[in-house]
Every structure is written in structure tokens, then in C-alpha cells.
PDB file of N, CA and C in Angstrom:
ATOM      1  N   MET A   1      95.432 -64.816   2.194  1.00  0.00           N
ATOM      2  CA  MET A   1      94.878 -63.469   2.263  1.00  0.00           C
ATOM      3  C   MET A   1      95.737 -63.309   3.362  1.00  0.00           C
ATOM      4  N   LYS A   2      96.623 -62.148   3.853  1.00  0.00           N
ATOM      5  CA  LYS A   2      97.405 -61.911   4.496  1.00  0.00           C
ATOM      6  C   LYS A   2      96.624 -60.549   5.268  1.00  0.00           C
ATOM      7  N   LEU A   3      96.878 -60.573   6.541  1.00  0.00           N
ATOM      8  CA  LEU A   3      96.209 -59.496   7.196  1.00  0.00           C
ATOM      9  C   LEU A   3      96.842 -59.133   8.530  1.00  0.00           C
ATOM     10  N   SER A   4      96.586 -57.574   8.822  1.00  0.00           N
ATOM     11  CA  SER A   4      97.511 -57.186   9.572  1.00  0.00           C
ATOM     12  C   SER A   4      97.205 -57.768  11.441  1.00  0.00           C
ATOM     13  N   ALA A   5      95.621 -57.952  11.251  1.00  0.00           N
ATOM     14  CA  ALA A   5      95.079 -58.300  12.523  1.00  0.00           C
ATOM     15  C   ALA A   5      95.546 -59.655  13.351  1.00  0.00           C
ATOM     16  N   ARG A   6      95.815 -59.686  14.301  1.00  0.00           N
ATOM     17  CA  ARG A   6      96.589 -60.806  14.734  1.00  0.00           C
ATOM     18  C   ARG A   6      95.561 -61.721  15.391  1.00  0.00           C
ATOM     19  N   ASN A   7      94.293 -61.009  15.848  1.00  0.00           N
ATOM     20  CA  ASN A   7      93.505 -62.012  16.418  1.00  0.00           C
ATOM     21  C   ASN A   7      92.878 -62.454  15.546  1.00  0.00           C
ATOM     22  N   GLN A   8      92.851 -63.807  15.241  1.00  0.00           N
ATOM     23  CA  GLN A   8      92.266 -64.385  14.139  1.00  0.00           C
ATOM     24  C   GLN A   8      91.789 -65.766  14.730  1.00  0.00           C
ATOM     25  N   LEU A   9      90.181 -66.184  14.948  1.00  0.00           N
ATOM     26  CA  LEU A   9      89.635 -66.908  15.450  1.00  0.00           C
ATOM     27  C   LEU A   9      88.547 -67.791  14.743  1.00  0.00           C
ATOM     28  N   LYS A  10      89.061 -69.136  14.234  1.00  0.00           N
ATOM     29  CA  LYS A  10      88.461 -70.486  13.524  1.00  0.00           C
ATOM     30  C   LYS A  10      87.555 -70.450  14.670  1.00  0.00           C
ATOM     31  N   ALA A  11      86.158 -70.407  13.649  1.00  0.00           N
ATOM     32  CA  ALA A  11      84.884 -70.830  14.420  1.00  0.00           C
ATOM     33  C   ALA A  11      83.740 -71.486  13.296  1.00  0.00           C
ATOM     34  N   LYS A  12      82.336 -71.761  13.961  1.00  0.00           N
ATOM     35  CA  LYS A  12      81.466 -72.560  12.796  1.00  0.00           C
ATOM     36  C   LYS A  12      80.000 -71.226  13.102  1.00  0.00           C
ATOM     37  N   VAL A  13      79.424 -71.445  12.441  1.00  0.00           N
ATOM     38  CA  VAL A  13      78.837 -70.217  12.502  1.00  0.00           C
ATOM     39  C   VAL A  13      77.277 -71.021  13.154  1.00  0.00           C
ATOM     40  N   LYS A  14      77.165 -70.050  14.477  1.00  0.00           N
ATOM     41  CA  LYS A  14      75.809 -70.983  14.768  1.00  0.00           C
ATOM     42  C   LYS A  14      74.553 -70.636  14.805  1.00  0.00           C
ATOM     43  N   SER A  15      74.414 -69.647  14.468  1.00  0.00           N
ATOM     44  CA  SER A  15      73.416 -68.915  13.818  1.00  0.00           C
ATOM     45  C   SER A  15      73.392 -67.829  13.333  1.00  0.00           C
ATOM     46  N   VAL A  16      72.467 -67.071  12.277  1.00  0.00           N
ATOM     47  CA  VAL A  16      72.224 -65.934  11.971  1.00  0.00           C
ATOM     48  C   VAL A  16      71.019 -65.195  11.501  1.00  0.00           C
ATOM     49  N   THR A  17      71.411 -63.826  12.167  1.00  0.00           N
ATOM     50  CA  THR A  17      69.339 -63.401  12.403  1.00  0.00           C
ATOM     51  C   THR A  17      69.474 -62.321  11.391  1.00  0.00           C
ATOM     52  N   HIS A  18      68.826 -62.543  10.651  1.00  0.00           N
ATOM     53  CA  HIS A  18      68.758 -61.191   9.831  1.00  0.00           C
ATOM     54  C   HIS A  18      67.713 -59.627   9.898  1.00  0.00           C
ATOM     55  N   GLY A  19      68.282 -58.672   9.847  1.00  0.00           N
ATOM     56  CA  GLY A  19      67.117 -57.562  10.086  1.00  0.00           C
ATOM     57  C   GLY A  19      67.073 -56.963   8.781  1.00  0.00           C
ATOM     58  N   ALA A  20      66.504 -55.672   8.768  1.00  0.00           N
ATOM     59  CA  ALA A  20      66.425 -54.859   7.403  1.00  0.00           C
ATOM     60  C   ALA A  20      67.527 -54.413   7.025  1.00  0.00           C
ATOM     61  N   VAL A  21      68.723 -54.049   8.023  1.00  0.00           N
ATOM     62  CA  VAL A  21      69.867 -53.419   7.498  1.00  0.00           C
ATOM     63  C   VAL A  21      70.811 -54.066   7.930  1.00  0.00           C
ATOM     64  N   ASN A  22      71.186 -54.394   9.022  1.00  0.00           N
ATOM     65  CA  ASN A  22      72.227 -55.635   9.576  1.00  0.00           C
ATOM     66  C   ASN A  22      71.746 -56.904   9.976  1.00  0.00           C
ATOM     67  N   SER A  23      72.645 -57.815  10.431  1.00  0.00           N
ATOM     68  CA  SER A  23      72.424 -59.168  10.670  1.00  0.00           C
ATOM     69  C   SER A  23      73.474 -59.537  11.676  1.00  0.00           C
ATOM     70  N   GLU A  24      73.012 -60.387  12.689  1.00  0.00           N
ATOM     71  CA  GLU A  24      73.642 -60.780  13.823  1.00  0.00           C
ATOM     72  C   GLU A  24      73.962 -61.769  13.663  1.00  0.00           C
ATOM     73  N   VAL A  25      75.313 -62.520  13.792  1.00  0.00           N
ATOM     74  CA  VAL A  25      76.178 -63.619  13.493  1.00  0.00           C
ATOM     75  C   VAL A  25      76.862 -63.939  15.050  1.00  0.00           C
ATOM     76  N   VAL A  26      76.281 -64.970  15.134  1.00  0.00           N
ATOM     77  CA  VAL A  26      76.690 -66.120  16.559  1.00  0.00           C
ATOM     78  C   VAL A  26      77.563 -66.630  15.970  1.00  0.00           C
ATOM     79  N   LEU A  27      78.976 -66.856  16.664  1.00  0.00           N
ATOM     80  CA  LEU A  27      79.680 -67.816  16.215  1.00  0.00           C
ATOM     81  C   LEU A  27      80.270 -68.695  17.279  1.00  0.00           C
ATOM     82  N   GLU A  28      80.419 -70.168  17.003  1.00  0.00           N
ATOM     83  CA  GLU A  28      81.179 -70.956  18.036  1.00  0.00           C
ATOM     84  C   GLU A  28      82.294 -71.247  18.251  1.00  0.00           C
ATOM     85  N   LEU A  29      82.816 -70.615  19.168  1.00  0.00           N
ATOM     86  CA  LEU A  29      84.430 -71.248  19.206  1.00  0.00           C
ATOM     87  C   LEU A  29      84.780 -72.549  19.289  1.00  0.00           C
ATOM     88  N   SER A  30      86.281 -73.017  19.356  1.00  0.00           N
ATOM     89  CA  SER A  30      86.541 -74.523  19.573  1.00  0.00           C
ATOM     90  C   SER A  30      85.937 -74.745  21.047  1.00  0.00           C
ATOM     91  N   GLY A  31      86.040 -73.721  21.588  1.00  0.00           N
ATOM     92  CA  GLY A  31      86.004 -74.257  22.828  1.00  0.00           C
ATOM     93  C   GLY A  31      84.682 -74.252  23.737  1.00  0.00           C
ATOM     94  N   GLY A  32      83.713 -73.692  22.982  1.00  0.00           N
ATOM     95  CA  GLY A  32      82.221 -73.692  22.967  1.00  0.00           C
ATOM     96  C   GLY A  32      82.145 -72.203  23.012  1.00  0.00           C
ATOM     97  N   ALA A  33      82.803 -71.396  23.507  1.00  0.00           N
ATOM     98  CA  ALA A  33      82.288 -70.166  23.787  1.00  0.00           C
ATOM     99  C   ALA A  33      82.074 -69.223  22.587  1.00  0.00           C
ATOM    100  N   LEU A  34      80.814 -68.755  22.879  1.00  0.00           N
ATOM    101  CA  LEU A  34      80.090 -67.966  21.406  1.00  0.00           C
ATOM    102  C   LEU A  34      80.849 -66.386  21.734  1.00  0.00           C
ATOM    103  N   LEU A  35      80.730 -66.159  19.925  1.00  0.00           N
ATOM    104  CA  LEU A  35      81.112 -64.128  19.970  1.00  0.00           C
ATOM    105  C   LEU A  35      80.227 -64.210  19.067  1.00  0.00           C
ATOM    106  N   VAL A  36      79.653 -62.500  19.575  1.00  0.00           N
ATOM    107  CA  VAL A  36      78.130 -62.490  18.663  1.00  0.00           C
ATOM    108  C   VAL A  36      79.060 -60.869  17.856  1.00  0.00           C
ATOM    109  N   SER A  37      78.591 -60.998  16.515  1.00  0.00           N
ATOM    110  CA  SER A  37      78.747 -59.668  15.820  1.00  0.00           C
ATOM    111  C   SER A  37      77.763 -59.447  14.898  1.00  0.00           C
ATOM    112  N   VAL A  38      77.778 -57.958  14.705  1.00  0.00           N
ATOM    113  CA  VAL A  38      76.638 -57.619  14.046  1.00  0.00           C
ATOM    114  C   VAL A  38      77.593 -56.852  12.841  1.00  0.00           C
ATOM    115  N   ILE A  39      77.018 -57.152  11.569  1.00  0.00           N
ATOM    116  CA  ILE A  39      77.586 -56.449  10.246  1.00  0.00           C
ATOM    117  C   ILE A  39      76.353 -56.521   9.409  1.00  0.00           C
ATOM    118  N   THR A  40      76.791 -55.734   8.285  1.00  0.00           N
ATOM    119  CA  THR A  40      75.436 -55.598   7.623  1.00  0.00           C
ATOM    120  C   THR A  40      74.742 -56.932   6.761  1.00  0.00           C
ATOM    121  N   ARG A  41      73.860 -56.807   6.709  1.00  0.00           N
ATOM    122  CA  ARG A  41      73.274 -57.762   5.735  1.00  0.00           C
ATOM    123  C   ARG A  41      74.012 -57.973   4.519  1.00  0.00           C
ATOM    124  N   SER A  42      74.140 -56.958   3.845  1.00  0.00           N
ATOM    125  CA  SER A  42      74.644 -57.168   2.188  1.00  0.00           C
ATOM    126  C   SER A  42      76.020 -58.131   2.716  1.00  0.00           C
ATOM    127  N   SER A  43      76.588 -57.733   3.847  1.00  0.00           N
ATOM    128  CA  SER A  43      77.872 -58.595   3.992  1.00  0.00           C
ATOM    129  C   SER A  43      77.377 -60.113   3.995  1.00  0.00           C
ATOM    130  N   ALA A  44      76.838 -60.012   5.106  1.00  0.00           N
ATOM    131  CA  ALA A  44      76.618 -61.570   5.713  1.00  0.00           C
ATOM    132  C   ALA A  44      75.982 -62.600   4.538  1.00  0.00           C
ATOM    133  N   GLU A  45      75.045 -61.609   3.566  1.00  0.00           N
ATOM    134  CA  GLU A  45      74.640 -62.653   2.380  1.00  0.00           C
ATOM    135  C   GLU A  45      75.559 -62.581   1.437  1.00  0.00           C
ATOM    136  N   SER A  46      76.669 -61.858   0.974  1.00  0.00           N
ATOM    137  CA  SER A  46      77.677 -61.798   0.469  1.00  0.00           C
ATOM    138  C   SER A  46      78.795 -62.991   0.843  1.00  0.00           C
ATOM    139  N   LEU A  47      78.797 -63.180   2.014  1.00  0.00           N
ATOM    140  CA  LEU A  47      79.746 -64.314   2.709  1.00  0.00           C
ATOM    141  C   LEU A  47      79.165 -65.617   2.519  1.00  0.00           C
ATOM    142  N   GLY A  48      77.487 -65.701   2.320  1.00  0.00           N
ATOM    143  CA  GLY A  48      76.993 -66.835   2.355  1.00  0.00           C
ATOM    144  C   GLY A  48      76.886 -67.517   4.067  1.00  0.00           C
ATOM    145  N   LEU A  49      76.790 -66.359   4.776  1.00  0.00           N
ATOM    146  CA  LEU A  49      76.913 -66.658   6.169  1.00  0.00           C
ATOM    147  C   LEU A  49      75.514 -67.911   6.795  1.00  0.00           C
ATOM    148  N   ALA A  50      75.564 -68.964   7.142  1.00  0.00           N
ATOM    149  CA  ALA A  50      74.477 -69.715   7.474  1.00  0.00           C
ATOM    150  C   ALA A  50      75.156 -70.637   8.611  1.00  0.00           C
ATOM    151  N   ALA A  51      73.931 -71.225   9.258  1.00  0.00           N
ATOM    152  CA  ALA A  51      74.371 -72.235  10.351  1.00  0.00           C
ATOM    153  C   ALA A  51      75.213 -73.434  10.181  1.00  0.00           C
ATOM    154  N   GLY A  52      76.085 -73.702  10.637  1.00  0.00           N
ATOM    155  CA  GLY A  52      77.469 -74.867  10.189  1.00  0.00           C
ATOM    156  C   GLY A  52      78.229 -74.579   9.403  1.00  0.00           C
ATOM    157  N   LYS A  53      78.444 -73.648   8.814  1.00  0.00           N
ATOM    158  CA  LYS A  53      79.459 -72.679   8.236  1.00  0.00           C
ATOM    159  C   LYS A  53      80.476 -72.586   8.779  1.00  0.00           C
ATOM    160  N   ASN A  54      81.923 -72.760   8.324  1.00  0.00           N
ATOM    161  CA  ASN A  54      82.805 -72.484   9.100  1.00  0.00           C
ATOM    162  C   ASN A  54      83.417 -70.958   8.747  1.00  0.00           C
ATOM    163  N   ALA A  55      84.002 -70.235   9.565  1.00  0.00           N
ATOM    164  CA  ALA A  55      84.240 -68.812   9.249  1.00  0.00           C
ATOM    165  C   ALA A  55      85.343 -68.515  10.456  1.00  0.00           C
ATOM    166  N   ILE A  56      85.889 -67.210  10.300  1.00  0.00           N
ATOM    167  CA  ILE A  56      86.998 -66.859  10.698  1.00  0.00           C
ATOM    168  C   ILE A  56      86.631 -65.538  11.329  1.00  0.00           C
ATOM    169  N   ALA A  57      86.759 -65.455  12.984  1.00  0.00           N
ATOM    170  CA  ALA A  57      86.813 -64.214  13.464  1.00  0.00           C
ATOM    171  C   ALA A  57      88.061 -63.245  13.437  1.00  0.00           C
ATOM    172  N   ILE A  58      87.488 -62.217  12.996  1.00  0.00           N
ATOM    173  CA  ILE A  58      89.110 -61.475  12.855  1.00  0.00           C
ATOM    174  C   ILE A  58      88.372 -60.141  13.759  1.00  0.00           C
ATOM    175  N   ILE A  59      89.431 -59.776  14.879  1.00  0.00           N
ATOM    176  CA  ILE A  59      89.294 -58.571  15.555  1.00  0.00           C
ATOM    177  C   ILE A  59      90.193 -57.960  15.768  1.00  0.00           C
ATOM    178  N   LYS A  60      90.517 -56.655  14.999  1.00  0.00           N
ATOM    179  CA  LYS A  60      91.039 -55.500  15.090  1.00  0.00           C
ATOM    180  C   LYS A  60      90.852 -54.811  16.257  1.00  0.00           C
ATOM    181  N   ALA A  61      90.992 -54.078  17.128  1.00  0.00           N
ATOM    182  CA  ALA A  61      90.584 -53.109  18.155  1.00  0.00           C
ATOM    183  C   ALA A  61      91.943 -52.245  18.560  1.00  0.00           C
ATOM    184  N   SER A  62      91.766 -50.968  18.486  1.00  0.00           N
ATOM    185  CA  SER A  62      93.080 -49.930  19.181  1.00  0.00           C
ATOM    186  C   SER A  62      92.603 -49.816  20.414  1.00  0.00           C
ATOM    187  N   ASN A  63      91.017 -49.672  20.838  1.00  0.00           N
ATOM    188  CA  ASN A  63      90.874 -49.660  21.901  1.00  0.00           C
ATOM    189  C   ASN A  63      90.268 -50.677  22.742  1.00  0.00           C
ATOM    190  N   VAL A  64      90.512 -50.598  23.951  1.00  0.00           N
ATOM    191  CA  VAL A  64      89.516 -51.993  24.465  1.00  0.00           C
ATOM    192  C   VAL A  64      89.021 -51.127  25.762  1.00  0.00           C
ATOM    193  N   MET A  65      87.503 -50.884  25.882  1.00  0.00           N
ATOM    194  CA  MET A  65      86.933 -50.402  27.164  1.00  0.00           C
ATOM    195  C   MET A  65      87.048 -51.395  28.263  1.00  0.00           C
ATOM    196  N   ILE A  66      87.013 -50.634  29.535  1.00  0.00           N
ATOM    197  CA  ILE A  66      86.593 -51.691  30.294  1.00  0.00           C
ATOM    198  C   ILE A  66      85.896 -50.787  31.461  1.00  0.00           C
ATOM    199  N   ALA A  67      84.812 -51.414  32.366  1.00  0.00           N
ATOM    200  CA  ALA A  67      84.066 -50.900  33.330  1.00  0.00           C
ATOM    201  C   ALA A  67      83.917 -51.377  34.315  1.00  0.00           C
ATOM    202  N   THR A  68      83.641 -50.946  35.396  1.00  0.00           N
ATOM    203  CA  THR A  68      83.400 -51.541  36.742  1.00  0.00           C
ATOM    204  C   THR A  68      82.108 -50.794  37.523  1.00  0.00           C
ATOM    205  N   ASP A  69      81.230 -51.226  38.557  1.00  0.00           N
ATOM    206  CA  ASP A  69      80.107 -50.893  39.290  1.00  0.00           C
ATOM    207  C   ASP A  69      80.974 -50.012  40.380  1.00  0.00           C
TER     208      ASP A  69
END
């Protein structure tokens, strides 16, 4: 599969918490950093996401917001 998104991070699923509509997926990157994503529950189920499974986080953003106090 080819994608235009250049930020592709190999990770392992640390946890999946299902809600009524969405699921929170916590990924652990190779260096130990955690990445959290909220996706639809149907997508999480379709991908078979579960703790210990390998996954790839694909990040494509046109805007990045930065704030300070």
C-alpha cells in the first residue's frame, strides 16, 4: 500500500478502550513514547486492534497548532 502521508510510525498496541461510538487506542512506539488516537469503534473492530498487536500510526496534518500560556 502506498500513501502520501510521510509520517508513518511503527508501533505496538498497548490498549484499546471501546466506547459506544469511538475507541481510544494507545500505541507504544519503539522508544517507549505513547501515542493516543481516537477512532470509530467500527474501525477498531474492523482492524482487529488489541493489546500486543503491531500497528502503524499514519499522521497526515495540514495544520499544527501550538499554544503557550
